């Protein structure tokens, strides 16, 4: 009995150690505490001028910092209504972050996290964007996502999209005036940068006229690949049809 307890204790300790190393350096990278613990939040309002959308302006101490505009939240599983219920709001597990929201009120929302002395070989994260069709490239709702090596000053990953330009081919239009992407999973090899400091920053913004909104989901930010996401609704329907077919076949054989 005593040996069994000891083995169980060692298994628990080993499990905790492996869990810790899987997301070494990151706090709540998968948002599984149900909140934004570990992330610095910022917010404010945008009334025009692309240079004003620098995330620094909306983080604490920035010239437009105003947390009354904050529209970020942690969300649970469900389908986004602005995508004709085609996009799961959570990529995997129980929670994801939603930066900004679907209300068009000039809001800008930012989340950011910095990790020092990073020694894992990879950084992973998944994102999905929902943008409402609006104006031109310089005055539409938009978002920017950037991973920076603070130690060297190099930008390791950068994505910027606005609702006026779908040249990337990533966006699908819903039956209304909303465009959305599927979940985009990023894998960055940072094995040659062991010990460096990294910062990930995500900004999402409404248009500067208060008429159109934009927001982005983020999930699985860490040193291990996010587990496979739940199937999209169309895939679920195919799985359901397949299971129904198997059931009919078995009944016929009986």
C-alpha atoms as a PDB file:
ATOM      1  CA  UNK A   1       0.000   0.000   0.000  1.00  0.00           C
ATOM      2  CA  UNK A   2       2.821   2.389   0.976  1.00  0.00           C
ATOM      3  CA  UNK A   3       4.653   1.643  -2.287  1.00  0.00           C
ATOM      4  CA  UNK A   4       1.483   2.402  -4.272  1.00  0.00           C
ATOM      5  CA  UNK A   5       1.105   5.796  -2.552  1.00  0.00           C
ATOM      6  CA  UNK A   6       4.746   6.660  -3.246  1.00  0.00           C
ATOM      7  CA  UNK A   7       4.402   5.737  -6.906  1.00  0.00           C
ATOM      8  CA  UNK A   8       1.243   7.825  -7.153  1.00  0.00           C
ATOM      9  CA  UNK A   9       3.016  10.799  -5.556  1.00  0.00           C
ATOM     10  CA  UNK A  10       5.909  10.518  -8.011  1.00  0.00           C
ATOM     11  CA  UNK A  11       3.466  10.364 -10.924  1.00  0.00           C
ATOM     12  CA  UNK A  12       1.740  13.538  -9.718  1.00  0.00           C
ATOM     13  CA  UNK A  13       5.064  15.360  -9.308  1.00  0.00           C
ATOM     14  CA  UNK A  14       6.224  14.244 -12.739  1.00  0.00           C
ATOM     15  CA  UNK A  15       2.933  15.396 -14.272  1.00  0.00           C
ATOM     16  CA  UNK A  16       3.265  18.817 -12.643  1.00  0.00           C
ATOM     17  CA  UNK A  17       6.848  19.139 -13.835  1.00  0.00           C
ATOM     18  CA  UNK A  18       5.904  18.277 -17.397  1.00  0.00           C
ATOM     19  CA  UNK A  19       2.979  20.688 -17.304  1.00  0.00           C
ATOM     20  CA  UNK A  20       5.240  23.470 -16.084  1.00  0.00           C
ATOM     21  CA  UNK A  21       7.808  22.917 -18.824  1.00  0.00           C
ATOM     22  CA  UNK A  22       5.129  22.735 -21.511  1.00  0.00           C
ATOM     23  CA  UNK A  23       4.347  26.435 -21.068  1.00  0.00           C
ATOM     24  CA  UNK A  24       7.630  27.544 -19.488  1.00  0.00           C
ATOM     25  CA  UNK A  25       7.809  31.269 -18.964  1.00  0.00           C
ATOM     26  CA  UNK A  26       4.200  32.025 -19.862  1.00  0.00           C
ATOM     27  CA  UNK A  27       1.394  32.819 -17.469  1.00  0.00           C
ATOM     28  CA  UNK A  28      -2.074  31.619 -18.438  1.00  0.00           C
ATOM     29  CA  UNK A  29      -1.084  31.204 -22.071  1.00  0.00           C
ATOM     30  CA  UNK A  30      -4.187  29.185 -22.828  1.00  0.00           C
ATOM     31  CA  UNK A  31      -6.494  31.386 -20.702  1.00  0.00           C
ATOM     32  CA  UNK A  32      -7.566  28.284 -18.811  1.00  0.00           C
ATOM     33  CA  UNK A  33      -7.880  30.164 -15.514  1.00  0.00           C
ATOM     34  CA  UNK A  34     -10.884  31.869 -17.099  1.00  0.00           C
ATOM     35  CA  UNK A  35      -9.377  35.347 -16.934  1.00  0.00           C
ATOM     36  CA  UNK A  36      -6.506  37.456 -18.305  1.00  0.00           C
ATOM     37  CA  UNK A  37      -4.041  36.671 -15.511  1.00  0.00           C
ATOM     38  CA  UNK A  38      -0.491  37.238 -16.725  1.00  0.00           C
ATOM     39  CA  UNK A  39      -1.491  39.648 -19.498  1.00  0.00           C
ATOM     40  CA  UNK A  40      -1.177  43.425 -19.501  1.00  0.00           C
ATOM     41  CA  UNK A  41      -4.388  45.011 -20.771  1.00  0.00           C
ATOM     42  CA  UNK A  42      -4.767  48.328 -22.521  1.00  0.00           C
ATOM     43  CA  UNK A  43      -7.586  50.274 -24.154  1.00  0.00           C
ATOM     44  CA  UNK A  44      -8.706  53.614 -25.497  1.00  0.00           C
ATOM     45  CA  UNK A  45     -10.590  55.238 -28.349  1.00  0.00           C
ATOM     46  CA  UNK A  46      -9.497  55.782 -31.969  1.00  0.00           C
ATOM     47  CA  UNK A  47     -10.729  58.752 -33.990  1.00  0.00           C
ATOM     48  CA  UNK A  48      -8.333  58.488 -36.941  1.00  0.00           C
ATOM     49  CA  UNK A  49      -4.678  58.515 -37.926  1.00  0.00           C
ATOM     50  CA  UNK A  50      -2.915  55.198 -38.438  1.00  0.00           C
ATOM     51  CA  UNK A  51       0.103  56.311 -36.404  1.00  0.00           C
ATOM     52  CA  UNK A  52      -2.224  56.684 -33.428  1.00  0.00           C
ATOM     53  CA  UNK A  53      -2.890  52.924 -33.495  1.00  0.00           C
ATOM     54  CA  UNK A  54       0.543  52.050 -32.103  1.00  0.00           C
ATOM     55  CA  UNK A  55      -0.271  49.645 -29.216  1.00  0.00           C
ATOM     56  CA  UNK A  56       2.064  51.622 -26.949  1.00  0.00           C
ATOM     57  CA  UNK A  57      -0.463  54.475 -27.058  1.00  0.00           C
ATOM     58  CA  UNK A  58      -3.132  52.272 -25.443  1.00  0.00           C
ATOM     59  CA  UNK A  59      -1.098  50.337 -22.897  1.00  0.00           C
ATOM     60  CA  UNK A  60      -0.617  51.743 -19.349  1.00  0.00           C
ATOM     61  CA  UNK A  61       1.196  55.081 -19.578  1.00  0.00           C
ATOM     62  CA  UNK A  62       0.273  55.616 -23.233  1.00  0.00           C
ATOM     63  CA  UNK A  63      -1.196  58.907 -24.422  1.00  0.00           C
ATOM     64  CA  UNK A  64      -4.581  57.363 -25.316  1.00  0.00           C
ATOM     65  CA  UNK A  65      -4.767  54.862 -22.453  1.00  0.00           C
ATOM     66  CA  UNK A  66      -8.360  54.728 -21.174  1.00  0.00           C
ATOM     67  CA  UNK A  67      -9.604  51.492 -19.654  1.00  0.00           C
ATOM     68  CA  UNK A  68     -13.214  52.682 -19.853  1.00  0.00           C
ATOM     69  CA  UNK A  69     -12.980  51.588 -23.503  1.00  0.00           C
ATOM     70  CA  UNK A  70     -11.691  48.115 -22.670  1.00  0.00           C
ATOM     71  CA  UNK A  71     -13.676  45.498 -24.595  1.00  0.00           C
ATOM     72  CA  UNK A  72     -11.464  42.440 -24.049  1.00  0.00           C
ATOM     73  CA  UNK A  73     -12.755  39.337 -22.283  1.00  0.00           C
ATOM     74  CA  UNK A  74     -12.151  35.644 -21.826  1.00  0.00           C
ATOM     75  CA  UNK A  75     -14.827  33.572 -23.573  1.00  0.00           C
ATOM     76  CA  UNK A  76     -15.963  29.977 -23.366  1.00  0.00           C
ATOM     77  CA  UNK A  77     -16.903  27.518 -26.104  1.00  0.00           C
ATOM     78  CA  UNK A  78     -19.572  28.611 -28.542  1.00  0.00           C
ATOM     79  CA  UNK A  79     -20.133  29.791 -32.095  1.00  0.00           C
ATOM     80  CA  UNK A  80     -19.604  33.397 -33.111  1.00  0.00           C
ATOM     81  CA  UNK A  81     -22.965  34.799 -34.350  1.00  0.00           C
ATOM     82  CA  UNK A  82     -21.303  37.309 -36.702  1.00  0.00           C
ATOM     83  CA  UNK A  83     -19.818  34.417 -38.693  1.00  0.00           C
ATOM     84  CA  UNK A  84     -23.134  32.652 -39.371  1.00  0.00           C
ATOM     85  CA  UNK A  85     -22.120  30.376 -36.481  1.00  0.00           C
ATOM     86  CA  UNK A  86     -19.209  29.001 -38.488  1.00  0.00           C
ATOM     87  CA  UNK A  87     -16.356  30.018 -36.153  1.00  0.00           C
ATOM     88  CA  UNK A  88     -15.745  28.457 -32.779  1.00  0.00           C
ATOM     89  CA  UNK A  89     -14.818  31.166 -30.292  1.00  0.00           C
ATOM     90  CA  UNK A  90     -12.389  28.804 -28.527  1.00  0.00           C
ATOM     91  CA  UNK A  91      -9.690  26.970 -30.439  1.00  0.00           C
ATOM     92  CA  UNK A  92      -9.108  24.242 -27.851  1.00  0.00           C
ATOM     93  CA  UNK A  93      -9.865  23.379 -24.226  1.00  0.00           C
ATOM     94  CA  UNK A  94     -12.266  25.640 -22.299  1.00  0.00           C
ATOM     95  CA  UNK A  95     -11.363  29.294 -22.864  1.00  0.00           C
ATOM     96  CA  UNK A  96      -9.851  31.833 -25.266  1.00  0.00           C
ATOM     97  CA  UNK A  97      -9.291  35.587 -25.155  1.00  0.00           C
ATOM     98  CA  UNK A  98     -11.427  37.931 -27.235  1.00  0.00           C
ATOM     99  CA  UNK A  99      -9.682  41.260 -27.816  1.00  0.00           C
ATOM    100  CA  UNK A 100     -12.191  44.087 -28.480  1.00  0.00           C
ATOM    101  CA  UNK A 101     -15.822  43.212 -29.271  1.00  0.00           C
ATOM    102  CA  UNK A 102     -18.641  43.486 -31.810  1.00  0.00           C
ATOM    103  CA  UNK A 103     -19.941  46.908 -30.681  1.00  0.00           C
ATOM    104  CA  UNK A 104     -18.975  49.842 -32.903  1.00  0.00           C
ATOM    105  CA  UNK A 105     -18.032  52.590 -30.459  1.00  0.00           C
ATOM    106  CA  UNK A 106     -14.498  53.720 -31.478  1.00  0.00           C
ATOM    107  CA  UNK A 107     -12.941  51.257 -29.032  1.00  0.00           C
ATOM    108  CA  UNK A 108      -9.385  49.929 -29.178  1.00  0.00           C
ATOM    109  CA  UNK A 109      -8.343  46.989 -27.002  1.00  0.00           C
ATOM    110  CA  UNK A 110      -4.868  45.568 -26.423  1.00  0.00           C
ATOM    111  CA  UNK A 111      -3.346  42.634 -24.577  1.00  0.00           C
ATOM    112  CA  UNK A 112       0.386  42.044 -24.219  1.00  0.00           C
ATOM    113  CA  UNK A 113       2.754  39.696 -22.428  1.00  0.00           C
ATOM    114  CA  UNK A 114       6.536  39.680 -22.053  1.00  0.00           C
ATOM    115  CA  UNK A 115       8.561  36.631 -21.040  1.00  0.00           C
ATOM    116  CA  UNK A 116      12.254  36.761 -20.144  1.00  0.00           C
ATOM    117  CA  UNK A 117      15.000  34.142 -20.390  1.00  0.00           C
ATOM    118  CA  UNK A 118      12.901  31.967 -22.680  1.00  0.00           C
ATOM    119  CA  UNK A 119      14.575  28.596 -23.265  1.00  0.00           C
ATOM    120  CA  UNK A 120      11.969  26.456 -25.040  1.00  0.00           C
ATOM    121  CA  UNK A 121      12.624  25.786 -28.740  1.00  0.00           C
ATOM    122  CA  UNK A 122       9.204  26.914 -30.020  1.00  0.00           C
ATOM    123  CA  UNK A 123       6.491  29.489 -29.443  1.00  0.00           C
ATOM    124  CA  UNK A 124       2.962  28.637 -30.527  1.00  0.00           C
ATOM    125  CA  UNK A 125      -0.320  30.538 -30.601  1.00  0.00           C
ATOM    126  CA  UNK A 126      -3.621  30.490 -32.478  1.00  0.00           C
ATOM    127  CA  UNK A 127      -5.776  33.429 -33.585  1.00  0.00           C
ATOM    128  CA  UNK A 128      -8.976  34.126 -35.502  1.00  0.00           C
ATOM    129  CA  UNK A 129     -10.283  37.544 -36.585  1.00  0.00           C
ATOM    130  CA  UNK A 130     -13.792  38.926 -37.114  1.00  0.00           C
ATOM    131  CA  UNK A 131     -14.003  42.291 -38.893  1.00  0.00           C
ATOM    132  CA  UNK A 132     -17.012  44.282 -40.067  1.00  0.00           C
ATOM    133  CA  UNK A 133     -16.866  45.635 -43.620  1.00  0.00           C
ATOM    134  CA  UNK A 134     -16.262  49.372 -43.499  1.00  0.00           C
ATOM    135  CA  UNK A 135     -14.091  52.025 -45.210  1.00  0.00           C
ATOM    136  CA  UNK A 136     -10.596  52.198 -46.703  1.00  0.00           C
ATOM    137  CA  UNK A 137      -7.218  50.743 -45.642  1.00  0.00           C
ATOM    138  CA  UNK A 138      -6.473  53.655 -43.318  1.00  0.00           C
ATOM    139  CA  UNK A 139      -9.847  54.101 -41.620  1.00  0.00           C
ATOM    140  CA  UNK A 140     -11.369  50.653 -41.223  1.00  0.00           C
ATOM    141  CA  UNK A 141     -11.663  48.389 -38.215  1.00  0.00           C
ATOM    142  CA  UNK A 142      -8.463  46.366 -38.039  1.00  0.00           C
ATOM    143  CA  UNK A 143      -6.053  44.398 -35.929  1.00  0.00           C
ATOM    144  CA  UNK A 144      -2.322  43.926 -35.507  1.00  0.00           C
ATOM    145  CA  UNK A 145      -0.489  40.998 -33.915  1.00  0.00           C
ATOM    146  CA  UNK A 146       3.263  41.095 -33.328  1.00  0.00           C
ATOM    147  CA  UNK A 147       5.857  38.923 -31.609  1.00  0.00           C
ATOM    148  CA  UNK A 148       9.112  40.760 -30.904  1.00  0.00           C
ATOM    149  CA  UNK A 149      12.484  39.553 -29.686  1.00  0.00           C
ATOM    150  CA  UNK A 150      13.130  42.355 -27.206  1.00  0.00           C
ATOM    151  CA  UNK A 151      16.734  41.247 -26.746  1.00  0.00           C
ATOM    152  CA  UNK A 152      17.682  41.764 -30.393  1.00  0.00           C
ATOM    153  CA  UNK A 153      14.906  44.140 -31.462  1.00  0.00           C
ATOM    154  CA  UNK A 154      13.842  41.758 -34.242  1.00  0.00           C
ATOM    155  CA  UNK A 155      10.207  41.183 -35.215  1.00  0.00           C
ATOM    156  CA  UNK A 156       9.649  37.423 -35.337  1.00  0.00           C
ATOM    157  CA  UNK A 157       6.003  37.493 -36.395  1.00  0.00           C
ATOM    158  CA  UNK A 158       3.735  40.279 -37.610  1.00  0.00           C
ATOM    159  CA  UNK A 159       0.183  40.168 -38.931  1.00  0.00           C
ATOM    160  CA  UNK A 160      -1.927  43.191 -39.809  1.00  0.00           C
ATOM    161  CA  UNK A 161      -5.353  43.045 -41.441  1.00  0.00           C
ATOM    162  CA  UNK A 162      -8.222  45.474 -41.994  1.00  0.00           C
ATOM    163  CA  UNK A 163     -11.748  44.994 -43.273  1.00  0.00           C
ATOM    164  CA  UNK A 164     -11.094  46.962 -46.470  1.00  0.00           C
ATOM    165  CA  UNK A 165      -8.572  44.492 -47.900  1.00  0.00           C
ATOM    166  CA  UNK A 166      -9.038  40.750 -48.379  1.00  0.00           C
ATOM    167  CA  UNK A 167      -6.074  40.255 -50.701  1.00  0.00           C
ATOM    168  CA  UNK A 168      -4.700  37.690 -48.256  1.00  0.00           C
ATOM    169  CA  UNK A 169      -7.568  35.356 -49.054  1.00  0.00           C
ATOM    170  CA  UNK A 170      -7.868  34.445 -45.369  1.00  0.00           C
ATOM    171  CA  UNK A 171     -11.270  36.029 -44.831  1.00  0.00           C
ATOM    172  CA  UNK A 172     -14.704  34.611 -45.576  1.00  0.00           C
ATOM    173  CA  UNK A 173     -17.741  36.892 -45.769  1.00  0.00           C
ATOM    174  CA  UNK A 174     -20.772  35.957 -43.703  1.00  0.00           C
ATOM    175  CA  UNK A 175     -24.334  36.451 -44.947  1.00  0.00           C
ATOM    176  CA  UNK A 176     -24.159  39.982 -43.503  1.00  0.00           C
ATOM    177  CA  UNK A 177     -21.354  42.551 -43.576  1.00  0.00           C
ATOM    178  CA  UNK A 178     -18.858  40.635 -41.428  1.00  0.00           C
ATOM    179  CA  UNK A 179     -15.656  38.953 -42.556  1.00  0.00           C
ATOM    180  CA  UNK A 180     -13.879  36.270 -40.547  1.00  0.00           C
ATOM    181  CA  UNK A 181     -10.922  33.900 -40.670  1.00  0.00           C
ATOM    182  CA  UNK A 182     -10.656  30.321 -39.524  1.00  0.00           C
ATOM    183  CA  UNK A 183      -8.248  29.651 -36.642  1.00  0.00           C
ATOM    184  CA  UNK A 184      -4.664  30.359 -37.713  1.00  0.00           C
ATOM    185  CA  UNK A 185      -2.075  28.351 -35.753  1.00  0.00           C
ATOM    186  CA  UNK A 186       1.444  29.774 -35.670  1.00  0.00           C
ATOM    187  CA  UNK A 187       4.624  27.826 -34.870  1.00  0.00           C
ATOM    188  CA  UNK A 188       7.809  29.848 -34.444  1.00  0.00           C
ATOM    189  CA  UNK A 189      11.206  28.190 -34.090  1.00  0.00           C
ATOM    190  CA  UNK A 190      13.170  30.206 -31.514  1.00  0.00           C
ATOM    191  CA  UNK A 191      15.707  27.494 -30.672  1.00  0.00           C
ATOM    192  CA  UNK A 192      18.563  29.745 -31.810  1.00  0.00           C
ATOM    193  CA  UNK A 193      17.376  32.525 -29.466  1.00  0.00           C
ATOM    194  CA  UNK A 194      17.538  30.681 -26.140  1.00  0.00           C
ATOM    195  CA  UNK A 195      17.606  33.057 -23.176  1.00  0.00           C
ATOM    196  CA  UNK A 196      16.110  36.015 -25.045  1.00  0.00           C
ATOM    197  CA  UNK A 197      13.131  38.103 -23.943  1.00  0.00           C
ATOM    198  CA  UNK A 198       9.975  38.048 -26.089  1.00  0.00           C
ATOM    199  CA  UNK A 199       6.846  40.199 -26.202  1.00  0.00           C
ATOM    200  CA  UNK A 200       3.566  39.298 -27.903  1.00  0.00           C
ATOM    201  CA  UNK A 201       1.113  42.169 -28.437  1.00  0.00           C
ATOM    202  CA  UNK A 202      -2.354  42.024 -29.982  1.00  0.00           C
ATOM    203  CA  UNK A 203      -4.407  45.143 -30.809  1.00  0.00           C
ATOM    204  CA  UNK A 204      -7.925  45.163 -32.258  1.00  0.00           C
ATOM    205  CA  UNK A 205      -9.835  48.307 -33.179  1.00  0.00           C
ATOM    206  CA  UNK A 206     -13.204  49.595 -34.383  1.00  0.00           C
ATOM    207  CA  UNK A 207     -13.252  52.035 -37.284  1.00  0.00           C
ATOM    208  CA  UNK A 208     -12.597  55.676 -36.282  1.00  0.00           C
ATOM    209  CA  UNK A 209     -16.166  56.836 -37.074  1.00  0.00           C
ATOM    210  CA  UNK A 210     -18.063  54.648 -34.628  1.00  0.00           C
ATOM    211  CA  UNK A 211     -19.811  52.722 -37.382  1.00  0.00           C
ATOM    212  CA  UNK A 212     -17.984  49.392 -37.658  1.00  0.00           C
ATOM    213  CA  UNK A 213     -16.403  46.971 -35.210  1.00  0.00           C
ATOM    214  CA  UNK A 214     -13.573  44.450 -35.193  1.00  0.00           C
ATOM    215  CA  UNK A 215     -12.216  41.888 -32.749  1.00  0.00           C
ATOM    216  CA  UNK A 216      -9.793  38.965 -32.558  1.00  0.00           C
ATOM    217  CA  UNK A 217      -9.669  35.686 -30.643  1.00  0.00           C
ATOM    218  CA  UNK A 218      -6.354  34.402 -29.232  1.00  0.00           C
ATOM    219  CA  UNK A 219      -5.682  30.973 -27.753  1.00  0.00           C
ATOM    220  CA  UNK A 220      -2.878  28.533 -26.880  1.00  0.00           C
ATOM    221  CA  UNK A 221      -0.001  31.011 -26.477  1.00  0.00           C
ATOM    222  CA  UNK A 222       2.914  28.979 -25.136  1.00  0.00           C
ATOM    223  CA  UNK A 223       5.808  26.600 -25.702  1.00  0.00           C
ATOM    224  CA  UNK A 224       3.733  23.560 -26.689  1.00  0.00           C
ATOM    225  CA  UNK A 225       1.458  23.266 -29.723  1.00  0.00           C
ATOM    226  CA  UNK A 226      -2.191  23.945 -28.893  1.00  0.00           C
ATOM    227  CA  UNK A 227      -4.165  20.701 -28.987  1.00  0.00           C
ATOM    228  CA  UNK A 228      -6.256  20.189 -32.124  1.00  0.00           C
ATOM    229  CA  UNK A 229      -9.277  22.454 -32.095  1.00  0.00           C
ATOM    230  CA  UNK A 230     -12.847  21.207 -32.118  1.00  0.00           C
ATOM    231  CA  UNK A 231     -14.172  20.556 -35.649  1.00  0.00           C
ATOM    232  CA  UNK A 232     -15.898  23.425 -37.422  1.00  0.00           C
ATOM    233  CA  UNK A 233     -19.721  23.094 -37.651  1.00  0.00           C
ATOM    234  CA  UNK A 234     -19.580  21.825 -41.242  1.00  0.00           C
ATOM    235  CA  UNK A 235     -17.132  19.106 -40.205  1.00  0.00           C
ATOM    236  CA  UNK A 236     -19.358  18.160 -37.284  1.00  0.00           C
ATOM    237  CA  UNK A 237     -22.273  17.759 -39.686  1.00  0.00           C
ATOM    238  CA  UNK A 238     -20.221  15.393 -41.872  1.00  0.00           C
ATOM    239  CA  UNK A 239     -19.184  13.396 -38.804  1.00  0.00           C
ATOM    240  CA  UNK A 240     -22.852  13.168 -37.795  1.00  0.00           C
ATOM    241  CA  UNK A 241     -23.841  11.928 -41.244  1.00  0.00           C
ATOM    242  CA  UNK A 242     -21.042   9.371 -41.139  1.00  0.00           C
ATOM    243  CA  UNK A 243     -22.146   8.018 -37.770  1.00  0.00           C
ATOM    244  CA  UNK A 244     -25.756   7.880 -38.983  1.00  0.00           C
ATOM    245  CA  UNK A 245     -24.630   5.874 -42.004  1.00  0.00           C
ATOM    246  CA  UNK A 246     -22.780   3.401 -39.802  1.00  0.00           C
ATOM    247  CA  UNK A 247     -25.849   2.962 -37.620  1.00  0.00           C
ATOM    248  CA  UNK A 248     -28.074   2.259 -40.641  1.00  0.00           C
ATOM    249  CA  UNK A 249     -25.562  -0.255 -42.020  1.00  0.00           C
ATOM    250  CA  UNK A 250     -25.452  -2.150 -38.724  1.00  0.00           C
ATOM    251  CA  UNK A 251     -29.249  -2.261 -38.503  1.00  0.00           C
ATOM    252  CA  UNK A 252     -29.465  -3.662 -42.035  1.00  0.00           C
ATOM    253  CA  UNK A 253     -26.928  -6.384 -41.197  1.00  0.00           C
ATOM    254  CA  UNK A 254     -29.010  -7.378 -38.162  1.00  0.00           C
END
